[in-house]
């Protein structure tokens, strides 16, 4: 591990020097690439430098203890030694986590698709609430949320909703939300006061660039039509909605949220690319079945990951056995504690897997 850390420190120093060269400064693409690489290495380099300082403190304290006879001074040295050893252990664990293989999609924006499952109108209402939960969470992180497609019902619910979240590292965080979300509560339409169980599915897909997915023109049918549902005059009276059909996979995507046909077409292609890229990612995960099972963030989309129990005011994440009694706050977007716990469990599983291999 330490040989690799030394190599990374040298690479960091090389990048720092390169960034001062006029030829690099004038080449914006190269400059941005080096800046990103430097930013990625920074936390690891900082941790390693602090680790080496703590190691020096441990060695100095041990050497001084051998020659020091004053008890008060010895007590101070022992306390300093204890703190340095504790911090050294923390930094070693931190560096191991930072050295874990990084998901190549972690820095990407995401496209999130929420669909009502079992439960009829109640599932559609819950789908709309989960959409708002994510929108509030994204807003708190200063991320941008852009609606791509929605199929609303008259009482405020959504049979389906697809939206893009744009923000640094969005996929690294949101990927833990993929799976089946279950709600247990008494619907407003239930006269007998019985608790109903409904489900929705959440799919989190990394945004795919054109270089990630090649779409052949002959594999696509493009249909344009008038938008349906709520909207202004020109939304409903012009052929602005766009539907794409991808023949090889049978995937159909639809976009009508914009007034412009070109904008809807761009959104539809972005969604199609994400779906095709996601299929390739899932195939790669299937090929590494054991590794996939050990990673929380890339689980089976049909897996029940979380239950929202309204009568008891609790939310339970079944993957990590975490239960929180703050359902109101969570439904208002306060999901960071759950995500942090998922990240920690994912990292622990990966570290354990690496230790077993070595």
Protein backbone atom coordinates (compact mmCIF):
# COMPACT_ATOMS: atom_id res chain seq x y z
CA UNK A 1 0.00 0.00 0.00
CA UNK A 2 2.75 2.47 0.95
CA UNK A 3 4.70 1.94 -2.29
CA UNK A 4 1.53 2.85 -4.17
CA UNK A 5 1.02 5.91 -1.95
CA UNK A 6 4.55 7.11 -2.68
CA UNK A 7 3.86 6.73 -6.42
CA UNK A 8 0.65 8.74 -6.10
CA UNK A 9 2.42 11.51 -4.17
CA UNK A 10 5.01 11.72 -6.97
CA UNK A 11 2.22 11.85 -9.54
CA UNK A 12 0.52 14.63 -7.56
CA UNK A 13 3.77 16.66 -7.57
CA UNK A 14 4.18 16.09 -11.32
CA UNK A 15 0.66 17.40 -11.95
CA UNK A 16 1.27 20.45 -9.75
CA UNK A 17 4.36 21.30 -11.78
CA UNK A 18 2.61 20.69 -15.11
CA UNK A 19 -0.22 23.05 -14.19
CA UNK A 20 2.25 25.95 -14.05
CA UNK A 21 3.50 25.38 -17.60
CA UNK A 22 2.17 27.88 -20.19
CA UNK A 23 1.58 25.13 -22.78
CA UNK A 24 -0.75 23.34 -20.35
CA UNK A 25 -2.52 26.53 -19.22
CA UNK A 26 -3.27 27.38 -22.86
CA UNK A 27 -4.67 23.88 -23.56
CA UNK A 28 -8.01 24.04 -21.72
CA UNK A 29 -8.89 20.36 -22.19
CA UNK A 30 -5.54 19.22 -20.81
CA UNK A 31 -5.72 21.80 -18.03
CA UNK A 32 -9.19 20.63 -16.92
CA UNK A 33 -8.13 16.97 -17.04
CA UNK A 34 -5.07 17.63 -14.86
CA UNK A 35 -7.09 19.76 -12.43
CA UNK A 36 -9.58 16.92 -12.00
CA UNK A 37 -6.80 14.36 -11.47
CA UNK A 38 -5.18 16.65 -8.92
CA UNK A 39 -8.50 17.13 -7.08
CA UNK A 40 -9.05 13.35 -7.02
CA UNK A 41 -5.57 12.77 -5.53
CA UNK A 42 -5.70 15.64 -3.02
CA UNK A 43 -7.55 13.86 -0.16
CA UNK A 44 -5.24 10.83 -0.39
CA UNK A 45 -2.06 12.93 -0.51
CA UNK A 46 -3.22 15.06 2.45
CA UNK A 47 -4.02 11.94 4.48
CA UNK A 48 -0.65 10.35 3.67
CA UNK A 49 1.30 13.49 4.62
CA UNK A 50 -0.55 13.69 7.94
CA UNK A 51 0.02 9.94 8.46
CA UNK A 52 3.79 10.36 8.05
CA UNK A 53 3.80 13.27 10.52
CA UNK A 54 1.91 11.15 13.06
CA UNK A 55 4.42 8.33 12.55
CA UNK A 56 7.24 10.77 13.27
CA UNK A 57 5.44 11.91 16.43
CA UNK A 58 5.13 8.29 17.59
CA UNK A 59 8.84 7.64 17.00
CA UNK A 60 9.91 10.90 18.67
CA UNK A 61 7.67 10.30 21.70
CA UNK A 62 9.02 6.76 22.17
CA UNK A 63 12.62 7.97 21.93
CA UNK A 64 12.03 10.77 24.45
CA UNK A 65 10.27 8.42 26.87
CA UNK A 66 13.39 6.27 27.05
CA UNK A 67 15.52 9.16 28.33
CA UNK A 68 12.93 11.24 30.22
CA UNK A 69 12.78 10.81 34.00
CA UNK A 70 10.40 13.63 34.97
CA UNK A 71 6.98 12.02 35.65
CA UNK A 72 4.93 15.04 34.56
CA UNK A 73 6.84 15.19 31.28
CA UNK A 74 6.47 11.43 30.84
CA UNK A 75 2.70 11.71 31.28
CA UNK A 76 2.57 14.41 28.58
CA UNK A 77 4.64 12.27 26.23
CA UNK A 78 2.42 9.22 26.85
CA UNK A 79 -0.69 11.26 26.10
CA UNK A 80 0.90 12.61 22.91
CA UNK A 81 1.95 9.08 21.93
CA UNK A 82 -1.55 7.71 22.52
CA UNK A 83 -3.19 10.44 20.43
CA UNK A 84 -0.67 9.99 17.59
CA UNK A 85 -1.18 6.19 17.53
CA UNK A 86 -4.96 6.63 17.48
CA UNK A 87 -4.80 9.15 14.64
CA UNK A 88 -2.35 6.93 12.71
CA UNK A 89 -4.83 4.04 12.84
CA UNK A 90 -7.68 6.33 11.69
CA UNK A 91 -5.61 7.67 8.79
CA UNK A 92 -4.54 4.18 7.72
CA UNK A 93 -8.19 3.11 7.50
CA UNK A 94 -9.05 6.33 5.65
CA UNK A 95 -6.27 5.74 3.11
CA UNK A 96 -7.41 2.15 2.52
CA UNK A 97 -10.89 3.46 1.68
CA UNK A 98 -9.49 6.19 -0.58
CA UNK A 99 -7.43 3.55 -2.42
CA UNK A 100 -10.48 1.37 -3.15
CA UNK A 101 -11.25 1.07 -6.89
CA UNK A 102 -13.50 3.95 -7.84
CA UNK A 103 -16.74 3.46 -9.75
CA UNK A 104 -16.03 5.15 -13.11
CA UNK A 105 -19.56 6.56 -13.08
CA UNK A 106 -19.33 8.23 -9.66
CA UNK A 107 -18.70 11.73 -11.01
CA UNK A 108 -21.55 11.58 -13.51
CA UNK A 109 -24.94 13.28 -13.33
CA UNK A 110 -27.87 10.90 -12.92
CA UNK A 111 -31.21 10.18 -14.51
CA UNK A 112 -33.73 8.88 -11.97
CA UNK A 113 -36.82 6.94 -13.01
CA UNK A 114 -39.58 6.37 -10.43
CA UNK A 115 -42.49 4.05 -11.25
CA UNK A 116 -45.59 3.20 -9.24
CA UNK A 117 -45.78 -0.53 -8.50
CA UNK A 118 -48.34 -2.45 -6.47
CA UNK A 119 -51.03 -0.35 -4.82
CA UNK A 120 -52.84 1.58 -7.57
CA UNK A 121 -53.47 5.26 -6.81
CA UNK A 122 -51.76 4.99 -3.42
CA UNK A 123 -48.54 3.82 -5.14
CA UNK A 124 -48.80 6.75 -7.58
CA UNK A 125 -49.21 9.19 -4.68
CA UNK A 126 -46.16 7.71 -2.95
CA UNK A 127 -44.15 7.94 -6.19
CA UNK A 128 -44.88 11.68 -6.29
CA UNK A 129 -43.82 12.03 -2.64
CA UNK A 130 -40.53 10.20 -3.26
CA UNK A 131 -39.88 12.44 -6.26
CA UNK A 132 -40.36 15.50 -4.01
CA UNK A 133 -38.08 13.91 -1.39
CA UNK A 134 -35.26 13.63 -3.94
CA UNK A 135 -35.96 17.14 -5.28
CA UNK A 136 -35.63 18.58 -1.74
CA UNK A 137 -32.44 16.58 -1.14
CA UNK A 138 -30.92 17.79 -4.41
CA UNK A 139 -31.89 21.38 -3.60
CA UNK A 140 -30.16 21.13 -0.21
CA UNK A 141 -26.98 20.00 -1.99
CA UNK A 142 -27.33 22.81 -4.56
CA UNK A 143 -27.86 20.33 -7.38
CA UNK A 144 -30.10 21.04 -10.33
CA UNK A 145 -33.22 18.94 -10.94
CA UNK A 146 -34.70 18.87 -14.45
CA UNK A 147 -37.94 17.07 -15.28
CA UNK A 148 -37.69 14.76 -18.30
CA UNK A 149 -41.01 12.90 -18.35
CA UNK A 150 -44.00 12.38 -16.05
CA UNK A 151 -47.31 10.56 -16.18
CA UNK A 152 -49.55 12.22 -13.61
CA UNK A 153 -52.94 11.20 -12.25
CA UNK A 154 -55.65 13.65 -11.28
CA UNK A 155 -55.26 13.41 -7.49
CA UNK A 156 -51.62 14.56 -7.38
CA UNK A 157 -49.91 11.24 -7.91
CA UNK A 158 -47.54 10.05 -10.59
CA UNK A 159 -47.66 6.69 -12.35
CA UNK A 160 -44.10 7.44 -13.44
CA UNK A 161 -41.63 10.31 -13.35
CA UNK A 162 -38.18 10.65 -14.88
CA UNK A 163 -35.81 13.49 -14.01
CA UNK A 164 -32.15 14.43 -14.27
CA UNK A 165 -30.03 15.47 -11.30
CA UNK A 166 -27.00 17.57 -12.27
CA UNK A 167 -24.29 17.98 -9.66
CA UNK A 168 -20.75 16.97 -8.76
CA UNK A 169 -20.69 13.31 -7.70
CA UNK A 170 -24.46 12.89 -8.03
CA UNK A 171 -24.21 9.22 -9.07
CA UNK A 172 -21.80 8.37 -6.23
CA UNK A 173 -24.57 9.31 -3.79
CA UNK A 174 -27.84 8.62 -5.60
CA UNK A 175 -26.89 5.11 -6.79
CA UNK A 176 -27.82 3.75 -3.35
CA UNK A 177 -31.47 4.63 -4.01
CA UNK A 178 -32.01 2.02 -6.76
CA UNK A 179 -34.50 -0.67 -5.83
CA UNK A 180 -38.03 -1.21 -4.50
CA UNK A 181 -39.33 1.28 -1.92
CA UNK A 182 -42.31 0.14 0.17
CA UNK A 183 -44.82 2.33 2.01
CA UNK A 184 -47.13 1.23 4.82
CA UNK A 185 -49.91 3.64 5.81
CA UNK A 186 -53.66 4.24 5.91
CA UNK A 187 -54.73 5.77 2.57
CA UNK A 188 -57.02 8.83 2.72
CA UNK A 189 -59.62 6.84 0.78
CA UNK A 190 -59.61 4.00 3.35
CA UNK A 191 -62.74 4.38 5.50
CA UNK A 192 -61.96 1.40 7.75
CA UNK A 193 -58.58 2.74 8.89
CA UNK A 194 -56.68 -0.31 7.62
CA UNK A 195 -52.98 -0.05 6.82
CA UNK A 196 -52.17 -0.69 3.16
CA UNK A 197 -48.82 -1.65 1.67
CA UNK A 198 -47.80 -0.18 -1.67
CA UNK A 199 -44.55 -0.20 -3.63
CA UNK A 200 -42.65 1.88 -6.13
CA UNK A 201 -39.43 1.18 -8.03
CA UNK A 202 -36.53 3.61 -8.31
CA UNK A 203 -33.89 3.25 -11.04
CA UNK A 204 -30.82 5.49 -10.85
CA UNK A 205 -28.84 5.61 -14.09
CA UNK A 206 -25.61 7.50 -14.79
CA UNK A 207 -25.92 10.08 -17.53
CA UNK A 208 -24.27 8.70 -20.66
CA UNK A 209 -22.36 10.84 -23.13
CA UNK A 210 -22.38 10.12 -26.85
CA UNK A 211 -18.89 8.64 -26.51
CA UNK A 212 -20.25 6.15 -23.92
CA UNK A 213 -23.07 4.86 -26.14
CA UNK A 214 -23.18 4.73 -29.92
CA UNK A 215 -26.72 4.79 -31.35
CA UNK A 216 -27.09 3.85 -35.01
CA UNK A 217 -29.65 5.93 -36.91
CA UNK A 218 -31.12 2.82 -38.53
CA UNK A 219 -31.89 1.38 -35.06
CA UNK A 220 -34.12 4.33 -34.13
CA UNK A 221 -37.62 5.41 -35.06
CA UNK A 222 -38.50 9.01 -34.20
CA UNK A 223 -42.17 10.01 -33.88
CA UNK A 224 -43.37 13.54 -33.17
CA UNK A 225 -46.83 14.36 -31.84
CA UNK A 226 -48.80 16.83 -29.78
CA UNK A 227 -48.20 16.72 -26.06
CA UNK A 228 -51.00 15.54 -23.80
CA UNK A 229 -52.02 16.50 -20.28
CA UNK A 230 -51.33 19.78 -18.50
CA UNK A 231 -49.54 22.51 -20.45
CA UNK A 232 -49.82 25.87 -22.13
CA UNK A 233 -51.41 26.55 -25.46
CA UNK A 234 -48.35 25.94 -27.61
CA UNK A 235 -47.45 22.75 -25.71
CA UNK A 236 -50.75 21.14 -26.59
CA UNK A 237 -51.27 22.55 -30.10
CA UNK A 238 -47.89 21.93 -31.75
CA UNK A 239 -46.07 18.70 -32.57
CA UNK A 240 -43.51 19.25 -29.80
CA UNK A 241 -43.58 15.84 -28.08
CA UNK A 242 -41.01 13.28 -29.20
CA UNK A 243 -41.10 9.48 -28.92
CA UNK A 244 -38.05 7.33 -29.67
CA UNK A 245 -38.24 3.60 -30.32
CA UNK A 246 -34.99 1.62 -30.17
CA UNK A 247 -35.49 -1.49 -32.30
CA UNK A 248 -32.68 -3.74 -30.92
CA UNK A 249 -33.86 -3.46 -27.29
CA UNK A 250 -37.50 -2.47 -27.69
CA UNK A 251 -36.96 0.52 -25.42
CA UNK A 252 -39.44 3.37 -25.96
CA UNK A 253 -38.83 6.80 -24.45
CA UNK A 254 -41.09 9.83 -24.59
CA UNK A 255 -40.48 13.51 -23.85
CA UNK A 256 -43.03 16.32 -23.84
CA UNK A 257 -41.92 18.62 -21.00
CA UNK A 258 -40.47 21.32 -23.28
CA UNK A 259 -42.23 23.61 -25.75
CA UNK A 260 -39.54 22.97 -28.35
CA UNK A 261 -39.44 19.75 -30.36
CA UNK A 262 -35.62 20.01 -30.50
CA UNK A 263 -35.37 20.26 -26.71
CA UNK A 264 -37.69 17.29 -26.23
CA UNK A 265 -35.67 15.32 -28.78
CA UNK A 266 -32.44 16.09 -26.90
CA UNK A 267 -34.02 14.98 -23.61
CA UNK A 268 -35.37 11.80 -25.20
CA UNK A 269 -31.96 10.88 -26.61
CA UNK A 270 -30.30 11.62 -23.23
CA UNK A 271 -32.77 9.25 -21.55
CA UNK A 272 -32.29 6.56 -24.20
CA UNK A 273 -28.50 6.76 -23.90
CA UNK A 274 -28.77 6.43 -20.13
CA UNK A 275 -31.00 3.37 -20.44
CA UNK A 276 -28.69 1.68 -22.95
CA UNK A 277 -25.61 2.51 -20.86
CA UNK A 278 -27.37 1.18 -17.77
CA UNK A 279 -28.07 -2.12 -19.58
CA UNK A 280 -24.33 -2.46 -20.33
CA UNK A 281 -23.46 -1.65 -16.71
CA UNK A 282 -25.92 -4.27 -15.47
CA UNK A 283 -24.39 -6.86 -17.81
CA UNK A 284 -20.95 -6.07 -16.38
CA UNK A 285 -22.31 -6.47 -12.85
CA UNK A 286 -23.94 -9.78 -13.76
CA UNK A 287 -20.60 -11.02 -15.06
CA UNK A 288 -19.13 -10.30 -11.64
CA UNK A 289 -22.00 -11.72 -9.63
CA UNK A 290 -20.12 -12.24 -6.37
CA UNK A 291 -18.66 -8.75 -6.39
CA UNK A 292 -22.06 -7.34 -7.20
CA UNK A 293 -23.66 -9.05 -4.22
CA UNK A 294 -21.06 -7.53 -1.90
CA UNK A 295 -21.72 -4.01 -3.11
CA UNK A 296 -24.76 -2.18 -1.78
CA UNK A 297 -24.81 0.45 -4.50
CA UNK A 298 -25.26 -1.93 -7.42
CA UNK A 299 -27.88 -4.33 -6.13
CA UNK A 300 -30.76 -5.99 -7.92
CA UNK A 301 -33.41 -3.50 -9.06
CA UNK A 302 -36.12 -5.88 -7.86
CA UNK A 303 -34.69 -5.94 -4.34
CA UNK A 304 -36.81 -4.35 -1.60
CA UNK A 305 -34.41 -1.84 -0.11
CA UNK A 306 -36.48 0.37 2.17
CA UNK A 307 -39.80 0.57 4.05
CA UNK A 308 -41.53 3.81 5.05
CA UNK A 309 -43.94 3.06 7.90
CA UNK A 310 -46.17 6.09 8.50
CA UNK A 311 -48.16 4.90 11.57
CA UNK A 312 -44.91 4.33 13.49
CA UNK A 313 -43.04 7.25 11.91
CA UNK A 314 -40.08 5.07 10.96
CA UNK A 315 -37.96 4.33 7.91
CA UNK A 316 -36.01 1.06 7.66
CA UNK A 317 -33.26 0.35 5.16
CA UNK A 318 -33.22 -3.45 4.88
CA UNK A 319 -29.77 -3.74 3.27
CA UNK A 320 -27.97 -2.34 6.30
CA UNK A 321 -30.55 -2.99 9.05
CA UNK A 322 -30.87 0.74 9.77
CA UNK A 323 -34.09 2.10 11.30
CA UNK A 324 -34.67 5.82 11.86
CA UNK A 325 -37.67 7.36 13.61
CA UNK A 326 -37.74 10.63 11.68
CA UNK A 327 -40.00 9.86 8.76
CA UNK A 328 -41.26 13.46 8.38
CA UNK A 329 -37.72 14.81 7.99
CA UNK A 330 -36.77 12.04 5.58
CA UNK A 331 -39.81 12.68 3.38
CA UNK A 332 -38.70 16.33 3.28
CA UNK A 333 -35.35 15.30 1.81
CA UNK A 334 -33.24 14.62 4.90
CA UNK A 335 -31.82 11.31 3.62
CA UNK A 336 -28.09 12.00 4.10
CA UNK A 337 -27.84 9.80 7.21
CA UNK A 338 -29.21 6.81 5.29
CA UNK A 339 -26.90 7.43 2.32
CA UNK A 340 -23.84 7.86 4.59
CA UNK A 341 -24.66 4.54 6.29
CA UNK A 342 -24.99 2.82 2.88
CA UNK A 343 -21.64 4.26 1.74
CA UNK A 344 -19.95 3.10 4.97
CA UNK A 345 -21.41 -0.41 4.65
CA UNK A 346 -20.42 -0.58 0.97
CA UNK A 347 -16.85 0.47 1.77
CA UNK A 348 -16.64 -2.05 4.63
CA UNK A 349 -17.82 -4.84 2.33
CA UNK A 350 -15.25 -3.90 -0.33
CA UNK A 351 -12.42 -3.70 2.24
CA UNK A 352 -13.41 -7.09 3.63
CA UNK A 353 -13.43 -8.55 0.12
CA UNK A 354 -9.95 -7.12 -0.57
CA UNK A 355 -8.61 -8.49 2.71
CA UNK A 356 -9.95 -11.96 1.86
CA UNK A 357 -8.30 -11.85 -1.56
CA UNK A 358 -4.95 -10.81 -0.09
